[in-house]
Amino acid sequence: MIMSSCKKAAHGLVQHGFELCPSVWLRTPTPQYQIQKVGDLVALFPPVFIFKQDEFGRWWAFENRVILDVILDVIIELGYLPYLTDLKSLFFTASSAVQCTLEE
């Protein structure tokens, strides 16, 4: 149920969160642009999309806004807030759902 909710939330957030909709001024066709952009996000291990860069140029894992928004959406949708003591497993589940959505 958690993964299903993560996947549902990720579908609504990935396009905008990772800027997968090209500018109207871009001459590259949208599918080609999206394939290249997603390839850049998931090609390495660990995948680039899970990180966020701070103002000093340091990279922080699981600080990406899309992943955090997926987690918040799932917690609210499933009503898990009173029961949460550790978010580690939710970060991994949300990251997996985001990667699945990106690769689709």
PDB file of N, CA and C in Angstrom:
ATOM      1  N   MET A   1       0.814  -1.179   0.000  1.00  0.00           N
ATOM      2  CA  MET A   1       0.000   0.000   0.000  1.00  0.00           C
ATOM      3  C   MET A   1       0.873   1.265   0.000  1.00  0.00           C
ATOM      4  N   ILE A   2       1.981   1.214   0.729  1.00  0.00           N
ATOM      5  CA  ILE A   2       2.878   2.375   0.796  1.00  0.00           C
ATOM      6  C   ILE A   2       3.512   2.628  -0.563  1.00  0.00           C
ATOM      7  N   MET A   3       4.003   1.582  -1.207  1.00  0.00           N
ATOM      8  CA  MET A   3       4.638   1.763  -2.518  1.00  0.00           C
ATOM      9  C   MET A   3       3.636   2.254  -3.549  1.00  0.00           C
ATOM     10  N   SER A   4       2.437   1.737  -3.507  1.00  0.00           N
ATOM     11  CA  SER A   4       1.397   2.171  -4.432  1.00  0.00           C
ATOM     12  C   SER A   4       1.096   3.656  -4.242  1.00  0.00           C
ATOM     13  N   SER A   5       1.013   4.095  -3.004  1.00  0.00           N
ATOM     14  CA  SER A   5       0.764   5.510  -2.719  1.00  0.00           C
ATOM     15  C   SER A   5       1.953   6.372  -3.136  1.00  0.00           C
ATOM     16  N   CYS A   6       3.162   5.872  -2.935  1.00  0.00           N
ATOM     17  CA  CYS A   6       4.363   6.604  -3.368  1.00  0.00           C
ATOM     18  C   CYS A   6       4.368   6.768  -4.888  1.00  0.00           C
ATOM     19  N   LYS A   7       4.035   5.703  -5.574  1.00  0.00           N
ATOM     20  CA  LYS A   7       4.023   5.744  -7.042  1.00  0.00           C
ATOM     21  C   LYS A   7       2.983   6.730  -7.544  1.00  0.00           C
ATOM     22  N   LYS A   8       1.806   6.731  -6.918  1.00  0.00           N
ATOM     23  CA  LYS A   8       0.742   7.652  -7.300  1.00  0.00           C
ATOM     24  C   LYS A   8       1.179   9.105  -7.073  1.00  0.00           C
ATOM     25  N   ALA A   9       1.802   9.374  -5.946  1.00  0.00           N
ATOM     26  CA  ALA A   9       2.275  10.730  -5.644  1.00  0.00           C
ATOM     27  C   ALA A   9       3.404  11.133  -6.588  1.00  0.00           C
ATOM     28  N   ALA A  10       4.299  10.201  -6.895  1.00  0.00           N
ATOM     29  CA  ALA A  10       5.439  10.496  -7.777  1.00  0.00           C
ATOM     30  C   ALA A  10       4.967  10.877  -9.176  1.00  0.00           C
ATOM     31  N   HIS A  11       3.936  10.206  -9.669  1.00  0.00           N
ATOM     32  CA  HIS A  11       3.421  10.516 -11.011  1.00  0.00           C
ATOM     33  C   HIS A  11       2.999  11.977 -11.124  1.00  0.00           C
ATOM     34  N   GLY A  12       2.457  12.520 -10.057  1.00  0.00           N
ATOM     35  CA  GLY A  12       2.016  13.902 -10.090  1.00  0.00           C
ATOM     36  C   GLY A  12       3.125  14.916  -9.894  1.00  0.00           C
ATOM     37  N   LEU A  13       4.272  14.481  -9.392  1.00  0.00           N
ATOM     38  CA  LEU A  13       5.331  15.423  -9.035  1.00  0.00           C
ATOM     39  C   LEU A  13       6.557  15.406  -9.950  1.00  0.00           C
ATOM     40  N   VAL A  14       6.800  14.307 -10.620  1.00  0.00           N
ATOM     41  CA  VAL A  14       8.042  14.132 -11.383  1.00  0.00           C
ATOM     42  C   VAL A  14       8.172  15.101 -12.557  1.00  0.00           C
ATOM     43  N   GLN A  15       7.126  15.276 -13.339  1.00  0.00           N
ATOM     44  CA  GLN A  15       7.204  16.144 -14.524  1.00  0.00           C
ATOM     45  C   GLN A  15       7.670  17.544 -14.167  1.00  0.00           C
ATOM     46  N   HIS A  16       7.030  18.124 -13.176  1.00  0.00           N
ATOM     47  CA  HIS A  16       7.356  19.498 -12.784  1.00  0.00           C
ATOM     48  C   HIS A  16       8.640  19.559 -11.949  1.00  0.00           C
ATOM     49  N   GLY A  17       8.772  18.622 -11.020  1.00  0.00           N
ATOM     50  CA  GLY A  17       9.907  18.637 -10.091  1.00  0.00           C
ATOM     51  C   GLY A  17      11.265  18.480 -10.747  1.00  0.00           C
ATOM     52  N   PHE A  18      11.319  17.737 -11.844  1.00  0.00           N
ATOM     53  CA  PHE A  18      12.586  17.532 -12.540  1.00  0.00           C
ATOM     54  C   PHE A  18      12.637  18.270 -13.876  1.00  0.00           C
ATOM     55  N   GLU A  19      11.693  19.177 -14.070  1.00  0.00           N
ATOM     56  CA  GLU A  19      11.655  20.022 -15.266  1.00  0.00           C
ATOM     57  C   GLU A  19      11.709  19.189 -16.548  1.00  0.00           C
ATOM     58  N   LEU A  20      10.803  18.213 -16.646  1.00  0.00           N
ATOM     59  CA  LEU A  20      10.757  17.343 -17.811  1.00  0.00           C
ATOM     60  C   LEU A  20       9.925  17.905 -18.958  1.00  0.00           C
ATOM     61  N   CYS A  21       9.307  19.037 -18.736  1.00  0.00           N
ATOM     62  CA  CYS A  21       8.577  19.713 -19.807  1.00  0.00           C
ATOM     63  C   CYS A  21       9.481  20.804 -20.367  1.00  0.00           C
ATOM     64  N   PRO A  22       9.921  20.654 -21.604  1.00  0.00           N
ATOM     65  CA  PRO A  22      10.866  21.625 -22.157  1.00  0.00           C
ATOM     66  C   PRO A  22      10.212  22.984 -22.411  1.00  0.00           C
ATOM     67  N   SER A  23      11.045  23.969 -22.541  1.00  0.00           N
ATOM     68  CA  SER A  23      10.587  25.306 -22.877  1.00  0.00           C
ATOM     69  C   SER A  23       9.943  25.295 -24.262  1.00  0.00           C
ATOM     70  N   VAL A  24       8.995  26.187 -24.469  1.00  0.00           N
ATOM     71  CA  VAL A  24       8.363  26.268 -25.789  1.00  0.00           C
ATOM     72  C   VAL A  24       9.364  26.741 -26.840  1.00  0.00           C
ATOM     73  N   TRP A  25      10.458  27.324 -26.426  1.00  0.00           N
ATOM     74  CA  TRP A  25      11.468  27.841 -27.356  1.00  0.00           C
ATOM     75  C   TRP A  25      12.506  26.785 -27.716  1.00  0.00           C
ATOM     76  N   LEU A  26      12.488  25.657 -27.040  1.00  0.00           N
ATOM     77  CA  LEU A  26      13.461  24.606 -27.314  1.00  0.00           C
ATOM     78  C   LEU A  26      13.128  23.905 -28.628  1.00  0.00           C
ATOM     79  N   ARG A  27      14.121  23.714 -29.461  1.00  0.00           N
ATOM     80  CA  ARG A  27      13.894  23.076 -30.765  1.00  0.00           C
ATOM     81  C   ARG A  27      13.916  21.548 -30.688  1.00  0.00           C
ATOM     82  N   THR A  28      14.429  20.999 -29.606  1.00  0.00           N
ATOM     83  CA  THR A  28      14.470  19.550 -29.433  1.00  0.00           C
ATOM     84  C   THR A  28      13.054  19.041 -29.179  1.00  0.00           C
ATOM     85  N   PRO A  29      12.645  17.963 -29.849  1.00  0.00           N
ATOM     86  CA  PRO A  29      11.315  17.401 -29.596  1.00  0.00           C
ATOM     87  C   PRO A  29      11.177  16.955 -28.134  1.00  0.00           C
ATOM     88  N   THR A  30       9.990  17.088 -27.586  1.00  0.00           N
ATOM     89  CA  THR A  30       9.748  16.787 -26.174  1.00  0.00           C
ATOM     90  C   THR A  30      10.191  15.380 -25.779  1.00  0.00           C
ATOM     91  N   PRO A  31       9.823  14.317 -26.522  1.00  0.00           N
ATOM     92  CA  PRO A  31      10.263  12.974 -26.103  1.00  0.00           C
ATOM     93  C   PRO A  31      11.793  12.845 -26.047  1.00  0.00           C
ATOM     94  N   GLN A  32      12.472  13.415 -27.014  1.00  0.00           N
ATOM     95  CA  GLN A  32      13.938  13.339 -27.039  1.00  0.00           C
ATOM     96  C   GLN A  32      14.525  14.105 -25.851  1.00  0.00           C
ATOM     97  N   TYR A  33      13.966  15.265 -25.556  1.00  0.00           N
ATOM     98  CA  TYR A  33      14.411  16.069 -24.414  1.00  0.00           C
ATOM     99  C   TYR A  33      14.226  15.286 -23.111  1.00  0.00           C
ATOM    100  N   GLN A  34      13.046  14.664 -22.958  1.00  0.00           N
ATOM    101  CA  GLN A  34      12.758  13.928 -21.737  1.00  0.00           C
ATOM    102  C   GLN A  34      13.660  12.705 -21.580  1.00  0.00           C
ATOM    103  N   ILE A  35      13.916  11.997 -22.664  1.00  0.00           N
ATOM    104  CA  ILE A  35      14.796  10.827 -22.611  1.00  0.00           C
ATOM    105  C   ILE A  35      16.191  11.233 -22.168  1.00  0.00           C
ATOM    106  N   GLN A  36      16.695  12.319 -22.716  1.00  0.00           N
ATOM    107  CA  GLN A  36      18.035  12.792 -22.349  1.00  0.00           C
ATOM    108  C   GLN A  36      18.065  13.242 -20.890  1.00  0.00           C
ATOM    109  N   LYS A  37      17.068  13.998 -20.467  1.00  0.00           N
ATOM    110  CA  LYS A  37      17.014  14.524 -19.099  1.00  0.00           C
ATOM    111  C   LYS A  37      16.906  13.385 -18.084  1.00  0.00           C
ATOM    112  N   VAL A  38      16.042  12.412 -18.348  1.00  0.00           N
ATOM    113  CA  VAL A  38      15.880  11.276 -17.435  1.00  0.00           C
ATOM    114  C   VAL A  38      17.159  10.437 -17.420  1.00  0.00           C
ATOM    115  N   GLY A  39      17.770  10.264 -18.576  1.00  0.00           N
ATOM    116  CA  GLY A  39      19.032   9.527 -18.635  1.00  0.00           C
ATOM    117  C   GLY A  39      20.093  10.152 -17.752  1.00  0.00           C
ATOM    118  N   ASP A  40      20.168  11.471 -17.750  1.00  0.00           N
ATOM    119  CA  ASP A  40      21.131  12.171 -16.894  1.00  0.00           C
ATOM    120  C   ASP A  40      20.813  11.985 -15.414  1.00  0.00           C
ATOM    121  N   LEU A  41      19.548  11.866 -15.082  1.00  0.00           N
ATOM    122  CA  LEU A  41      19.137  11.734 -13.680  1.00  0.00           C
ATOM    123  C   LEU A  41      19.355  10.341 -13.113  1.00  0.00           C
ATOM    124  N   VAL A  42      19.216   9.294 -13.946  1.00  0.00           N
ATOM    125  CA  VAL A  42      19.271   7.923 -13.418  1.00  0.00           C
ATOM    126  C   VAL A  42      20.473   7.114 -13.888  1.00  0.00           C
ATOM    127  N   ALA A  43      21.333   7.689 -14.705  1.00  0.00           N
ATOM    128  CA  ALA A  43      22.421   6.922 -15.314  1.00  0.00           C
ATOM    129  C   ALA A  43      23.487   6.464 -14.316  1.00  0.00           C
ATOM    130  N   LEU A  44      23.754   7.219 -13.303  1.00  0.00           N
ATOM    131  CA  LEU A  44      24.827   6.895 -12.361  1.00  0.00           C
ATOM    132  C   LEU A  44      24.273   6.174 -11.133  1.00  0.00           C
ATOM    133  N   PHE A  45      25.180   5.571 -10.374  1.00  0.00           N
ATOM    134  CA  PHE A  45      24.790   5.015  -9.086  1.00  0.00           C
ATOM    135  C   PHE A  45      25.667   5.637  -8.015  1.00  0.00           C
ATOM    136  N   PRO A  46      25.113   6.239  -6.994  1.00  0.00           N
ATOM    137  CA  PRO A  46      23.685   6.458  -6.773  1.00  0.00           C
ATOM    138  C   PRO A  46      23.136   7.472  -7.769  1.00  0.00           C
ATOM    139  N   PRO A  47      21.861   7.357  -8.097  1.00  0.00           N
ATOM    140  CA  PRO A  47      21.276   8.251  -9.099  1.00  0.00           C
ATOM    141  C   PRO A  47      21.275   9.708  -8.640  1.00  0.00           C
ATOM    142  N   VAL A  48      21.496  10.586  -9.590  1.00  0.00           N
ATOM    143  CA  VAL A  48      21.611  12.024  -9.315  1.00  0.00           C
ATOM    144  C   VAL A  48      20.317  12.597  -8.745  1.00  0.00           C
ATOM    145  N   PHE A  49      19.169  12.051  -9.129  1.00  0.00           N
ATOM    146  CA  PHE A  49      17.900  12.667  -8.743  1.00  0.00           C
ATOM    147  C   PHE A  49      17.635  12.647  -7.245  1.00  0.00           C
ATOM    148  N   ILE A  50      18.330  11.828  -6.468  1.00  0.00           N
ATOM    149  CA  ILE A  50      18.067  11.789  -5.026  1.00  0.00           C
ATOM    150  C   ILE A  50      18.800  12.899  -4.269  1.00  0.00           C
ATOM    151  N   PHE A  51      19.714  13.589  -4.924  1.00  0.00           N
ATOM    152  CA  PHE A  51      20.533  14.589  -4.249  1.00  0.00           C
ATOM    153  C   PHE A  51      20.031  16.010  -4.467  1.00  0.00           C
ATOM    154  N   LYS A  52      20.434  16.880  -3.556  1.00  0.00           N
ATOM    155  CA  LYS A  52      20.220  18.312  -3.713  1.00  0.00           C
ATOM    156  C   LYS A  52      21.523  19.003  -3.335  1.00  0.00           C
ATOM    157  N   GLN A  53      21.876  20.000  -4.104  1.00  0.00           N
ATOM    158  CA  GLN A  53      23.114  20.726  -3.855  1.00  0.00           C
ATOM    159  C   GLN A  53      22.812  21.959  -3.001  1.00  0.00           C
ATOM    160  N   ASP A  54      23.634  22.170  -1.970  1.00  0.00           N
ATOM    161  CA  ASP A  54      23.428  23.351  -1.139  1.00  0.00           C
ATOM    162  C   ASP A  54      24.213  24.546  -1.683  1.00  0.00           C
ATOM    163  N   GLU A  55      24.139  25.661  -0.993  1.00  0.00           N
ATOM    164  CA  GLU A  55      24.774  26.892  -1.474  1.00  0.00           C
ATOM    165  C   GLU A  55      26.298  26.829  -1.492  1.00  0.00           C
ATOM    166  N   PHE A  56      26.888  25.837  -0.825  1.00  0.00           N
ATOM    167  CA  PHE A  56      28.340  25.680  -0.807  1.00  0.00           C
ATOM    168  C   PHE A  56      28.832  24.632  -1.800  1.00  0.00           C
ATOM    169  N   GLY A  57      27.918  24.085  -2.595  1.00  0.00           N
ATOM    170  CA  GLY A  57      28.286  23.095  -3.594  1.00  0.00           C
ATOM    171  C   GLY A  57      28.330  21.665  -3.081  1.00  0.00           C
ATOM    172  N   ARG A  58      27.930  21.455  -1.816  1.00  0.00           N
ATOM    173  CA  ARG A  58      27.895  20.094  -1.260  1.00  0.00           C
ATOM    174  C   ARG A  58      26.593  19.416  -1.663  1.00  0.00           C
ATOM    175  N   TRP A  59      26.672  18.099  -1.906  1.00  0.00           N
ATOM    176  CA  TRP A  59      25.505  17.318  -2.303  1.00  0.00           C
ATOM    177  C   TRP A  59      24.987  16.550  -1.101  1.00  0.00           C
ATOM    178  N   TRP A  60      23.667  16.562  -0.903  1.00  0.00           N
ATOM    179  CA  TRP A  60      23.029  15.873   0.210  1.00  0.00           C
ATOM    180  C   TRP A  60      22.031  14.854  -0.318  1.00  0.00           C
ATOM    181  N   ALA A  61      22.192  13.612   0.127  1.00  0.00           N
ATOM    182  CA  ALA A  61      21.301  12.534  -0.320  1.00  0.00           C
ATOM    183  C   ALA A  61      19.927  12.670   0.311  1.00  0.00           C
ATOM    184  N   PHE A  62      18.914  12.318  -0.452  1.00  0.00           N
ATOM    185  CA  PHE A  62      17.512  12.304  -0.031  1.00  0.00           C
ATOM    186  C   PHE A  62      16.986  13.678   0.383  1.00  0.00           C
ATOM    187  N   GLU A  63      17.616  14.727  -0.107  1.00  0.00           N
ATOM    188  CA  GLU A  63      17.140  16.081   0.167  1.00  0.00           C
ATOM    189  C   GLU A  63      16.404  16.667  -1.029  1.00  0.00           C
ATOM    190  N   ASN A  64      16.198  15.871  -2.047  1.00  0.00           N
ATOM    191  CA  ASN A  64      15.501  16.362  -3.228  1.00  0.00           C
ATOM    192  C   ASN A  64      14.047  16.665  -2.888  1.00  0.00           C
ATOM    193  N   ARG A  65      13.553  17.787  -3.367  1.00  0.00           N
ATOM    194  CA  ARG A  65      12.195  18.247  -3.046  1.00  0.00           C
ATOM    195  C   ARG A  65      11.112  17.274  -3.526  1.00  0.00           C
ATOM    196  N   VAL A  66      11.324  16.637  -4.653  1.00  0.00           N
ATOM    197  CA  VAL A  66      10.325  15.694  -5.166  1.00  0.00           C
ATOM    198  C   VAL A  66      10.178  14.515  -4.204  1.00  0.00           C
ATOM    199  N   ILE A  67      11.282  13.969  -3.751  1.00  0.00           N
ATOM    200  CA  ILE A  67      11.234  12.838  -2.819  1.00  0.00           C
ATOM    201  C   ILE A  67      10.562  13.251  -1.512  1.00  0.00           C
ATOM    202  N   LEU A  68      10.926  14.415  -1.004  1.00  0.00           N
ATOM    203  CA  LEU A  68      10.301  14.895   0.233  1.00  0.00           C
ATOM    204  C   LEU A  68       8.798  15.103   0.060  1.00  0.00           C
ATOM    205  N   ASP A  69       8.392  15.634  -1.085  1.00  0.00           N
ATOM    206  CA  ASP A  69       6.961  15.835  -1.338  1.00  0.00           C
ATOM    207  C   ASP A  69       6.217  14.511  -1.468  1.00  0.00           C
ATOM    208  N   VAL A  70       6.846  13.514  -2.075  1.00  0.00           N
ATOM    209  CA  VAL A  70       6.223  12.187  -2.166  1.00  0.00           C
ATOM    210  C   VAL A  70       6.002  11.636  -0.759  1.00  0.00           C
ATOM    211  N   ILE A  71       6.997  11.752   0.093  1.00  0.00           N
ATOM    212  CA  ILE A  71       6.876  11.247   1.465  1.00  0.00           C
ATOM    213  C   ILE A  71       5.757  11.961   2.210  1.00  0.00           C
ATOM    214  N   LEU A  72       5.709  13.274   2.101  1.00  0.00           N
ATOM    215  CA  LEU A  72       4.661  14.027   2.788  1.00  0.00           C
ATOM    216  C   LEU A  72       3.274  13.658   2.275  1.00  0.00           C
ATOM    217  N   ASP A  73       3.140  13.508   0.966  1.00  0.00           N
ATOM    218  CA  ASP A  73       1.848  13.116   0.393  1.00  0.00           C
ATOM    219  C   ASP A  73       1.394  11.759   0.911  1.00  0.00           C
ATOM    220  N   VAL A  74       2.322  10.810   0.997  1.00  0.00           N
ATOM    221  CA  VAL A  74       1.986   9.460   1.452  1.00  0.00           C
ATOM    222  C   VAL A  74       1.610   9.467   2.937  1.00  0.00           C
ATOM    223  N   ILE A  75       2.358  10.197   3.735  1.00  0.00           N
ATOM    224  CA  ILE A  75       2.053  10.267   5.171  1.00  0.00           C
ATOM    225  C   ILE A  75       0.652  10.829   5.393  1.00  0.00           C
ATOM    226  N   ILE A  76       0.325  11.872   4.650  1.00  0.00           N
ATOM    227  CA  ILE A  76      -0.997  12.491   4.791  1.00  0.00           C
ATOM    228  C   ILE A  76      -2.089  11.576   4.249  1.00  0.00           C
ATOM    229  N   GLU A  77      -1.863  11.010   3.051  1.00  0.00           N
ATOM    230  CA  GLU A  77      -2.888  10.159   2.427  1.00  0.00           C
ATOM    231  C   GLU A  77      -3.209   8.933   3.274  1.00  0.00           C
ATOM    232  N   LEU A  78      -2.181   8.293   3.825  1.00  0.00           N
ATOM    233  CA  LEU A  78      -2.404   7.064   4.581  1.00  0.00           C
ATOM    234  C   LEU A  78      -2.656   7.306   6.073  1.00  0.00           C
ATOM    235  N   GLY A  79      -2.495   8.546   6.521  1.00  0.00           N
ATOM    236  CA  GLY A  79      -2.732   8.862   7.928  1.00  0.00           C
ATOM    237  C   GLY A  79      -1.701   8.273   8.864  1.00  0.00           C
ATOM    238  N   TYR A  80      -0.449   8.216   8.428  1.00  0.00           N
ATOM    239  CA  TYR A  80       0.608   7.579   9.216  1.00  0.00           C
ATOM    240  C   TYR A  80       1.327   8.507  10.188  1.00  0.00           C
ATOM    241  N   LEU A  81       1.026   9.778  10.198  1.00  0.00           N
ATOM    242  CA  LEU A  81       1.766  10.723  11.023  1.00  0.00           C
ATOM    243  C   LEU A  81       1.851  10.319  12.496  1.00  0.00           C
ATOM    244  N   PRO A  82       0.763   9.884  13.124  1.00  0.00           N
ATOM    245  CA  PRO A  82       0.858   9.519  14.548  1.00  0.00           C
ATOM    246  C   PRO A  82       1.724   8.280  14.812  1.00  0.00           C
ATOM    247  N   TYR A  83       2.001   7.497  13.779  1.00  0.00           N
ATOM    248  CA  TYR A  83       2.690   6.223  13.981  1.00  0.00           C
ATOM    249  C   TYR A  83       4.156   6.240  13.564  1.00  0.00           C
ATOM    250  N   LEU A  84       4.621   7.342  13.007  1.00  0.00           N
ATOM    251  CA  LEU A  84       5.983   7.383  12.476  1.00  0.00           C
ATOM    252  C   LEU A  84       7.013   7.643  13.564  1.00  0.00           C
ATOM    253  N   THR A  85       8.050   6.832  13.552  1.00  0.00           N
ATOM    254  CA  THR A  85       9.182   7.055  14.445  1.00  0.00           C
ATOM    255  C   THR A  85      10.481   7.162  13.660  1.00  0.00           C
ATOM    256  N   ASP A  86      10.491   6.625  12.442  1.00  0.00           N
ATOM    257  CA  ASP A  86      11.695   6.624  11.619  1.00  0.00           C
ATOM    258  C   ASP A  86      11.289   6.735  10.152  1.00  0.00           C
ATOM    259  N   LEU A  87      11.867   7.698   9.448  1.00  0.00           N
ATOM    260  CA  LEU A  87      11.501   7.928   8.054  1.00  0.00           C
ATOM    261  C   LEU A  87      12.448   7.276   7.045  1.00  0.00           C
ATOM    262  N   LYS A  88      13.482   6.578   7.515  1.00  0.00           N
ATOM    263  CA  LYS A  88      14.479   6.021   6.584  1.00  0.00           C
ATOM    264  C   LYS A  88      13.850   5.145   5.513  1.00  0.00           C
ATOM    265  N   SER A  89      13.002   4.230   5.917  1.00  0.00           N
ATOM    266  CA  SER A  89      12.428   3.320   4.928  1.00  0.00           C
ATOM    267  C   SER A  89      11.520   4.064   3.953  1.00  0.00           C
ATOM    268  N   LEU A  90      10.860   5.117   4.405  1.00  0.00           N
ATOM    269  CA  LEU A  90      10.021   5.897   3.497  1.00  0.00           C
ATOM    270  C   LEU A  90      10.864   6.640   2.463  1.00  0.00           C
ATOM    271  N   PHE A  91      12.041   7.104   2.841  1.00  0.00           N
ATOM    272  CA  PHE A  91      12.925   7.766   1.881  1.00  0.00           C
ATOM    273  C   PHE A  91      13.329   6.803   0.768  1.00  0.00           C
ATOM    274  N   PHE A  92      13.649   5.577   1.136  1.00  0.00           N
ATOM    275  CA  PHE A  92      14.045   4.588   0.134  1.00  0.00           C
ATOM    276  C   PHE A  92      12.858   4.199  -0.753  1.00  0.00           C
ATOM    277  N   THR A  93      11.701   4.036  -0.147  1.00  0.00           N
ATOM    278  CA  THR A  93      10.511   3.675  -0.917  1.00  0.00           C
ATOM    279  C   THR A  93      10.130   4.801  -1.872  1.00  0.00           C
ATOM    280  N   ALA A  94      10.152   6.037  -1.388  1.00  0.00           N
ATOM    281  CA  ALA A  94       9.827   7.188  -2.239  1.00  0.00           C
ATOM    282  C   ALA A  94      10.840   7.323  -3.373  1.00  0.00           C
ATOM    283  N   SER A  95      12.108   7.105  -3.088  1.00  0.00           N
ATOM    284  CA  SER A  95      13.138   7.180  -4.127  1.00  0.00           C
ATOM    285  C   SER A  95      12.932   6.111  -5.196  1.00  0.00           C
ATOM    286  N   SER A  96      12.562   4.919  -4.758  1.00  0.00           N
ATOM    287  CA  SER A  96      12.277   3.840  -5.726  1.00  0.00           C
ATOM    288  C   SER A  96      11.081   4.181  -6.591  1.00  0.00           C
ATOM    289  N   ALA A  97      10.055   4.744  -6.004  1.00  0.00           N
ATOM    290  CA  ALA A  97       8.862   5.123  -6.768  1.00  0.00           C
ATOM    291  C   ALA A  97       9.185   6.228  -7.758  1.00  0.00           C
ATOM    292  N   VAL A  98      10.006   7.181  -7.353  1.00  0.00           N
ATOM    293  CA  VAL A  98      10.401   8.275  -8.259  1.00  0.00           C
ATOM    294  C   VAL A  98      11.224   7.708  -9.404  1.00  0.00           C
ATOM    295  N   GLN A  99      12.146   6.800  -9.120  1.00  0.00           N
ATOM    296  CA  GLN A  99      12.954   6.214 -10.190  1.00  0.00           C
ATOM    297  C   GLN A  99      12.080   5.431 -11.160  1.00  0.00           C
ATOM    298  N   CYS A 100      11.152   4.651 -10.658  1.00  0.00           N
ATOM    299  CA  CYS A 100      10.237   3.903 -11.533  1.00  0.00           C
ATOM    300  C   CYS A 100       9.448   4.851 -12.431  1.00  0.00           C
ATOM    301  N   THR A 101       8.978   5.932 -11.856  1.00  0.00           N
ATOM    302  CA  THR A 101       8.208   6.918 -12.625  1.00  0.00           C
ATOM    303  C   THR A 101       9.074   7.592 -13.666  1.00  0.00           C
ATOM    304  N   LEU A 102      10.290   7.938 -13.318  1.00  0.00           N
ATOM    305  CA  LEU A 102      11.210   8.550 -14.285  1.00  0.00           C
ATOM    306  C   LEU A 102      11.484   7.603 -15.457  1.00  0.00           C
ATOM    307  N   GLU A 103      11.688   6.337 -15.163  1.00  0.00           N
ATOM    308  CA  GLU A 103      12.028   5.388 -16.211  1.00  0.00           C
ATOM    309  C   GLU A 103      10.836   5.026 -17.098  1.00  0.00           C
ATOM    310  N   GLU A 104       9.635   5.269 -16.614  1.00  0.00           N
ATOM    311  CA  GLU A 104       8.456   5.032 -17.438  1.00  0.00           C
ATOM    312  C   GLU A 104       8.402   6.055 -18.544  1.00  0.00           C
TER     313      GLU A 104
END
